């Protein structure tokens, strides 16, 4: 199964995910990223409009990006 890395990015910095998470496919990775966004926003401090999450595969290739200000419905 593929490993996905979820990198939280601001305009001037990022929080890397060196270990990543093994998930079945890209759709499951999208749901996982949406959950990360929701949990971080609920915890507070993640409400900047330029904040987003970049999802990369194990080779470092960007799979997709989600904005914290407009995450997809899950």
Foldseek 3Di string as FASTA:
>chain_A
DWFKWKWKDAPVDIDTRVVGHDDDDPVVVLVVQLVVLVVVVVVDDPDDQRIKIFMATPVRHTPDIATSVDRDDD
